[in-house]
Amino acid sequence: RKAADQGHAQAQHELAKCYLDAHCVEDNRKAAMFWFHKAASQGHPPAQHELAKGFDRGWGRGASVEEAAAWDRRAAEQEYAPAQYSLGRRYEEGKGVAKDLESAFYWFLEAARGGHWQAQASTGLCLFDGRGVEQDRAEAARWWRKGAEQGGLDSQCYLFACHATGKGVPRDPEAASQWLRAQNGGEEEGVRLAESVRSACHAAGWGVAADLKAALQGHREARAQMHLRALEAGDPQACVDKARERQAAGDSQGAAEWWRKAADQGDALAQMAVGSIYRNGTSVPKDPEAAVAWYRKAADQGHPQ
């Protein structure tokens, strides 16, 4: 806070995130937007992108997709890949800017070159379907491979489809299945997932990008089933993921329940989060002693905060 008050942009950005995530301070999105704006006004790209997200969602200042697009553009022009990808999505959807598929592809490609795996998937889709750029399925497969190698599920599924159908790359069913086996928890589970995607692709006809999206949906459904089984088994990371999901949805009560389940199993990040919940009284009565106890558990495991 002291550094933020003295005008340090990175400190202002970090303080804003503290307000947004309720780490060590009370959850206050209006305050988060105030500090993001301070940092963004100094040209801090991550803060500019966060400010854009805040304007999209109406955090404290009211929603404005036009204002959001303007802040994303400032960050994108400084080669900040997440903002470049976001700006590409805005042009693709006509959100805060006029719909322009050529501009969408331009920004997807810029972000993809910066290593953004979601942008690499979107770049591939544009090239595969000829949206905003001349169709080039071999180049689409090249970008999907880059995304797949970073663990991007969308790219893995699209690359699976390319190898299975021979579109953009030589047809190779074994290479197709290998992508899913490598990324989804072992041979048996990977084969099951590969078969579920293969079935979805076959039913869709494997024809164009829309059909590949159907394949991706089959893959995501299989992943969702895996996640559900992990939650039922009480897997700490699955509980943490669920807590973040509920927190992003504005469900503080649900988030607190999942944070507690993970914390009870010894997850240090979750213990830190539960400490903050008791400290700030988020969905539970304030309890400084309980907060200290949970902070201590996290500290004993080496959690830096």
Protein backbone atom coordinates (compact mmCIF):
# COMPACT_ATOMS: atom_id res chain seq x y z
CA ARG A 1 0.00 0.00 0.00
CA LYS A 2 2.82 2.41 0.82
CA ALA A 3 4.46 1.88 -2.56
CA ALA A 4 1.08 2.24 -4.29
CA ASP A 5 0.44 5.53 -2.50
CA GLN A 6 3.81 6.73 -3.77
CA GLY A 7 2.78 6.05 -7.37
CA HIS A 8 4.53 2.72 -8.04
CA ALA A 9 2.49 1.20 -10.90
CA GLN A 10 3.31 -2.45 -10.15
CA ALA A 11 2.41 -1.95 -6.49
CA GLN A 12 -0.86 -0.31 -7.50
CA HIS A 13 -1.61 -3.31 -9.72
CA GLU A 14 -0.81 -5.79 -6.94
CA LEU A 15 -2.91 -3.86 -4.42
CA ALA A 16 -5.82 -3.88 -6.87
CA LYS A 17 -5.51 -7.67 -7.17
CA CYS A 18 -5.55 -7.95 -3.38
CA TYR A 19 -8.84 -6.06 -3.28
CA LEU A 20 -10.21 -8.17 -6.12
CA ASP A 21 -9.19 -11.54 -4.65
CA ALA A 22 -9.80 -10.57 -1.01
CA HIS A 23 -6.25 -11.55 -0.07
CA CYS A 24 -5.34 -9.80 3.19
CA VAL A 25 -7.92 -7.05 2.55
CA GLU A 26 -11.69 -6.93 2.31
CA ASP A 27 -13.15 -7.84 -1.08
CA ASN A 28 -13.82 -4.43 -2.66
CA ARG A 29 -14.14 -4.28 -6.43
CA LYS A 30 -14.63 -0.54 -6.49
CA ALA A 31 -11.28 -0.12 -4.75
CA ALA A 32 -9.75 -2.67 -7.12
CA MET A 33 -10.91 -0.64 -10.11
CA PHE A 34 -9.53 2.54 -8.52
CA TRP A 35 -6.04 1.06 -8.20
CA PHE A 36 -6.14 -0.70 -11.56
CA HIS A 37 -6.99 2.67 -13.11
CA LYS A 38 -4.08 4.33 -11.28
CA ALA A 39 -1.64 1.75 -12.64
CA ALA A 40 -3.26 1.64 -16.08
CA SER A 41 -3.00 5.41 -16.43
CA GLN A 42 0.77 5.02 -16.03
CA GLY A 43 0.86 2.61 -18.98
CA HIS A 44 0.95 -0.67 -17.01
CA PRO A 45 -0.31 -3.29 -19.54
CA PRO A 46 -1.56 -5.96 -17.08
CA ALA A 47 -3.48 -3.29 -15.16
CA GLN A 48 -4.95 -1.96 -18.41
CA HIS A 49 -6.18 -5.45 -19.27
CA GLU A 50 -7.64 -5.97 -15.78
CA LEU A 51 -9.34 -2.60 -16.04
CA ALA A 52 -10.85 -3.73 -19.34
CA LYS A 53 -12.21 -6.86 -17.66
CA GLY A 54 -13.62 -4.69 -14.88
CA PHE A 55 -15.47 -2.48 -17.37
CA ASP A 56 -16.78 -5.61 -19.10
CA ARG A 57 -18.20 -6.91 -15.82
CA GLY A 58 -19.24 -3.65 -14.19
CA TRP A 59 -16.84 -3.83 -11.26
CA GLY A 60 -17.58 -0.73 -9.23
CA ARG A 61 -17.86 1.72 -12.15
CA GLY A 62 -20.65 0.30 -14.29
CA ALA A 63 -20.26 -1.84 -17.39
CA SER A 64 -18.96 -0.31 -20.62
CA VAL A 65 -17.77 -2.59 -23.41
CA GLU A 66 -16.51 0.43 -25.37
CA GLU A 67 -14.34 1.57 -22.45
CA ALA A 68 -13.18 -2.01 -21.98
CA ALA A 69 -12.13 -2.28 -25.62
CA ALA A 70 -10.23 1.01 -25.40
CA TRP A 71 -8.17 -0.19 -22.41
CA ASP A 72 -7.50 -3.58 -24.01
CA ARG A 73 -6.23 -1.77 -27.10
CA ARG A 74 -3.76 0.26 -25.03
CA ALA A 75 -2.36 -2.93 -23.51
CA ALA A 76 -2.42 -4.78 -26.84
CA GLU A 77 -0.41 -2.04 -28.51
CA GLN A 78 2.27 -2.63 -25.86
CA GLU A 79 2.46 -6.29 -26.99
CA TYR A 80 0.68 -7.66 -23.92
CA ALA A 81 -0.54 -11.02 -25.25
CA PRO A 82 -3.63 -11.52 -23.02
CA ALA A 83 -4.96 -8.12 -24.13
CA GLN A 84 -4.13 -8.86 -27.76
CA TYR A 85 -6.15 -12.08 -27.54
CA SER A 86 -9.00 -10.26 -25.79
CA LEU A 87 -9.03 -7.54 -28.46
CA GLY A 88 -9.15 -10.23 -31.13
CA ARG A 89 -12.22 -11.72 -29.44
CA ARG A 90 -13.83 -8.27 -29.35
CA TYR A 91 -13.35 -7.83 -33.10
CA GLU A 92 -14.60 -11.37 -33.71
CA GLU A 93 -17.78 -10.75 -31.71
CA GLY A 94 -18.26 -7.02 -32.35
CA LYS A 95 -18.02 -6.33 -28.62
CA GLY A 96 -17.20 -2.66 -28.01
CA VAL A 97 -15.80 -2.36 -31.55
CA ALA A 98 -17.20 -2.91 -35.03
CA LYS A 99 -17.07 -6.57 -36.03
CA ASP A 100 -14.02 -7.09 -38.24
CA LEU A 101 -12.70 -10.61 -38.87
CA GLU A 102 -9.47 -9.39 -40.46
CA SER A 103 -8.67 -7.33 -37.36
CA ALA A 104 -9.66 -10.28 -35.18
CA PHE A 105 -7.17 -12.51 -36.97
CA TYR A 106 -4.48 -9.81 -36.79
CA TRP A 107 -4.72 -9.61 -32.99
CA PHE A 108 -5.07 -13.37 -32.52
CA LEU A 109 -1.87 -13.81 -34.55
CA GLU A 110 -0.01 -11.15 -32.56
CA ALA A 111 -0.97 -12.86 -29.29
CA ALA A 112 -0.17 -16.30 -30.72
CA ARG A 113 3.32 -15.13 -31.67
CA GLY A 114 3.69 -14.04 -28.04
CA GLY A 115 3.01 -17.60 -26.90
CA HIS A 116 -0.63 -17.18 -25.83
CA TRP A 117 -2.07 -20.71 -26.13
CA GLN A 118 -5.71 -19.65 -26.46
CA ALA A 119 -4.75 -17.24 -29.23
CA GLN A 120 -2.85 -20.04 -30.95
CA ALA A 121 -6.06 -22.08 -30.98
CA SER A 122 -8.06 -19.14 -32.34
CA THR A 123 -5.40 -18.36 -34.96
CA GLY A 124 -5.62 -21.96 -36.12
CA LEU A 125 -9.41 -21.79 -36.36
CA CYS A 126 -9.25 -18.64 -38.49
CA LEU A 127 -6.73 -20.25 -40.84
CA PHE A 128 -8.60 -23.55 -40.97
CA ASP A 129 -11.89 -21.92 -41.91
CA GLY A 130 -10.53 -18.92 -43.86
CA ARG A 131 -12.05 -16.33 -41.51
CA GLY A 132 -10.33 -12.98 -41.88
CA VAL A 133 -7.42 -14.60 -43.69
CA GLU A 134 -6.84 -16.87 -46.67
CA GLN A 135 -7.55 -20.49 -45.79
CA ASP A 136 -4.42 -22.50 -44.98
CA ARG A 137 -5.10 -25.72 -43.08
CA ALA A 138 -1.45 -26.75 -42.89
CA GLU A 139 -0.67 -23.44 -41.18
CA ALA A 140 -3.70 -23.95 -38.91
CA ALA A 141 -2.29 -27.30 -37.82
CA ARG A 142 1.09 -25.69 -37.16
CA TRP A 143 -0.46 -23.18 -34.75
CA TRP A 144 -2.57 -25.88 -33.08
CA ARG A 145 0.58 -27.90 -32.52
CA LYS A 146 2.16 -24.91 -30.75
CA GLY A 147 -0.90 -24.56 -28.54
CA ALA A 148 -1.11 -28.30 -27.91
CA GLU A 149 2.52 -28.44 -26.83
CA GLN A 150 1.67 -25.88 -24.15
CA GLY A 151 -1.16 -28.03 -22.87
CA GLY A 152 -3.98 -26.08 -24.55
CA LEU A 153 -7.00 -28.40 -24.60
CA ASP A 154 -8.63 -26.65 -27.57
CA SER A 155 -5.50 -27.02 -29.70
CA GLN A 156 -5.01 -30.62 -28.60
CA CYS A 157 -8.51 -31.49 -29.72
CA TYR A 158 -8.21 -29.65 -33.05
CA LEU A 159 -4.86 -31.31 -33.71
CA PHE A 160 -6.41 -34.66 -32.84
CA ALA A 161 -9.08 -33.96 -35.46
CA CYS A 162 -6.49 -32.96 -38.08
CA HIS A 163 -4.51 -36.17 -37.63
CA ALA A 164 -7.68 -38.25 -37.58
CA THR A 165 -9.01 -36.75 -40.82
CA GLY A 166 -5.83 -35.83 -42.67
CA LYS A 167 -6.84 -32.16 -42.92
CA GLY A 168 -3.74 -29.95 -42.72
CA VAL A 169 -1.47 -32.88 -41.78
CA PRO A 170 -1.07 -36.48 -43.01
CA ARG A 171 -3.80 -38.75 -41.67
CA ASP A 172 -2.43 -40.62 -38.65
CA PRO A 173 -4.94 -42.10 -36.17
CA GLU A 174 -2.20 -43.16 -33.76
CA ALA A 175 -0.78 -39.63 -33.62
CA ALA A 176 -4.32 -38.37 -33.08
CA SER A 177 -4.88 -40.60 -30.05
CA GLN A 178 -1.40 -39.91 -28.72
CA TRP A 179 -2.20 -36.24 -28.10
CA LEU A 180 -4.99 -37.12 -25.73
CA ARG A 181 -3.13 -39.99 -24.06
CA ALA A 182 -0.21 -37.68 -23.35
CA GLN A 183 -2.32 -34.99 -21.72
CA ASN A 184 -5.11 -36.77 -19.84
CA GLY A 185 -3.76 -38.94 -17.09
CA GLY A 186 -2.45 -42.18 -18.52
CA GLU A 187 -3.04 -44.70 -21.27
CA GLU A 188 -6.41 -46.13 -20.21
CA GLU A 189 -8.05 -42.78 -19.45
CA GLY A 190 -6.51 -41.21 -22.55
CA VAL A 191 -7.85 -43.95 -24.81
CA ARG A 192 -11.34 -43.50 -23.34
CA LEU A 193 -11.16 -39.75 -23.93
CA ALA A 194 -9.80 -40.26 -27.43
CA GLU A 195 -12.71 -42.54 -28.23
CA SER A 196 -15.23 -40.02 -26.91
CA VAL A 197 -13.74 -37.30 -29.11
CA ARG A 198 -13.47 -39.69 -32.06
CA SER A 199 -17.20 -40.48 -31.71
CA ALA A 200 -18.13 -36.81 -31.51
CA CYS A 201 -16.04 -36.02 -34.58
CA HIS A 202 -17.48 -38.93 -36.53
CA ALA A 203 -21.04 -37.92 -35.67
CA ALA A 204 -20.30 -34.34 -36.75
CA GLY A 205 -18.79 -35.45 -40.06
CA TRP A 206 -15.29 -33.99 -39.53
CA GLY A 207 -16.00 -31.39 -42.17
CA VAL A 208 -15.21 -27.82 -41.17
CA ALA A 209 -14.27 -25.80 -38.11
CA ALA A 210 -17.82 -26.01 -36.76
CA ASP A 211 -17.52 -29.80 -36.73
CA LEU A 212 -14.20 -29.61 -34.93
CA LYS A 213 -15.92 -27.48 -32.29
CA ALA A 214 -18.36 -30.33 -31.80
CA ALA A 215 -15.39 -32.61 -31.24
CA LEU A 216 -14.00 -30.20 -28.69
CA GLN A 217 -17.32 -30.22 -26.85
CA GLY A 218 -17.08 -34.00 -26.55
CA HIS A 219 -13.57 -33.65 -25.17
CA ARG A 220 -14.67 -31.02 -22.65
CA GLU A 221 -17.57 -33.19 -21.50
CA ALA A 222 -15.15 -36.03 -20.84
CA ARG A 223 -12.85 -33.68 -18.95
CA ALA A 224 -15.81 -32.45 -16.91
CA GLN A 225 -16.59 -36.02 -15.92
CA MET A 226 -13.00 -36.50 -14.80
CA HIS A 227 -13.21 -33.31 -12.74
CA LEU A 228 -16.49 -34.43 -11.17
CA ARG A 229 -14.94 -37.73 -10.13
CA ALA A 230 -11.99 -35.85 -8.63
CA LEU A 231 -14.37 -33.63 -6.64
CA GLU A 232 -16.28 -36.65 -5.39
CA ALA A 233 -12.98 -38.19 -4.29
CA GLY A 234 -12.08 -34.98 -2.47
CA ASP A 235 -9.01 -34.21 -4.56
CA PRO A 236 -7.54 -30.95 -3.11
CA GLN A 237 -6.67 -29.39 -6.48
CA ALA A 238 -10.16 -30.14 -7.79
CA CYS A 239 -11.60 -28.44 -4.69
CA VAL A 240 -9.35 -25.40 -5.24
CA ASP A 241 -10.46 -25.20 -8.88
CA LYS A 242 -14.10 -25.37 -7.80
CA ALA A 243 -13.55 -22.66 -5.19
CA ARG A 244 -12.05 -20.35 -7.83
CA GLU A 245 -14.94 -21.11 -10.17
CA ARG A 246 -17.52 -20.18 -7.51
CA GLN A 247 -15.52 -17.09 -6.53
CA ALA A 248 -15.42 -15.89 -10.15
CA ALA A 249 -19.19 -16.40 -10.31
CA GLY A 250 -19.66 -14.16 -7.26
CA ASP A 251 -20.73 -17.06 -5.00
CA SER A 252 -18.70 -16.28 -1.88
CA GLN A 253 -20.55 -18.85 0.23
CA GLY A 254 -19.94 -21.65 -2.25
CA ALA A 255 -16.31 -20.58 -2.70
CA ALA A 256 -15.76 -20.62 1.06
CA GLU A 257 -17.09 -24.18 1.32
CA TRP A 258 -14.74 -25.47 -1.37
CA TRP A 259 -11.76 -23.52 0.01
CA ARG A 260 -12.43 -25.16 3.39
CA LYS A 261 -12.59 -28.65 1.90
CA ALA A 262 -9.21 -28.16 0.25
CA ALA A 263 -7.75 -26.53 3.37
CA ASP A 264 -8.86 -29.44 5.56
CA GLN A 265 -6.76 -31.69 3.32
CA GLY A 266 -3.66 -29.57 3.80
CA ASP A 267 -3.62 -27.39 0.70
CA ALA A 268 -1.57 -24.30 1.67
CA LEU A 269 -3.22 -21.92 -0.82
CA ALA A 270 -6.64 -22.96 0.45
CA GLN A 271 -5.52 -22.51 4.06
CA MET A 272 -4.41 -18.98 3.19
CA ALA A 273 -7.78 -18.32 1.55
CA VAL A 274 -9.71 -19.65 4.55
CA GLY A 275 -7.61 -17.41 6.82
CA SER A 276 -8.60 -14.42 4.68
CA ILE A 277 -12.25 -15.48 4.79
CA TYR A 278 -12.22 -15.46 8.59
CA ARG A 279 -10.18 -12.25 8.72
CA ASN A 280 -12.56 -10.36 6.44
CA GLY A 281 -15.80 -12.03 7.49
CA THR A 282 -16.55 -13.15 3.93
CA SER A 283 -19.63 -15.41 4.19
CA VAL A 284 -18.73 -16.23 7.83
CA PRO A 285 -18.55 -14.11 11.02
CA LYS A 286 -15.18 -12.40 11.47
CA ASP A 287 -12.90 -14.49 13.66
CA PRO A 288 -9.34 -13.15 14.04
CA GLU A 289 -8.22 -16.18 16.06
CA ALA A 290 -9.44 -18.62 13.41
CA ALA A 291 -7.79 -16.45 10.74
CA VAL A 292 -4.43 -16.60 12.52
CA ALA A 293 -4.77 -20.35 12.98
CA TRP A 294 -5.32 -20.92 9.26
CA TYR A 295 -2.58 -18.45 8.28
CA ARG A 296 -0.25 -20.34 10.56
CA LYS A 297 -1.10 -23.65 8.90
CA ALA A 298 -0.29 -22.13 5.51
CA ALA A 299 2.89 -20.52 6.83
CA ASP A 300 4.06 -23.83 8.29
CA GLN A 301 3.96 -25.21 4.75
CA GLY A 302 6.03 -22.32 3.45
CA HIS A 303 3.28 -20.21 1.86
CA PRO A 304 5.01 -16.85 1.17
CA GLN A 305 1.99 -14.64 1.99
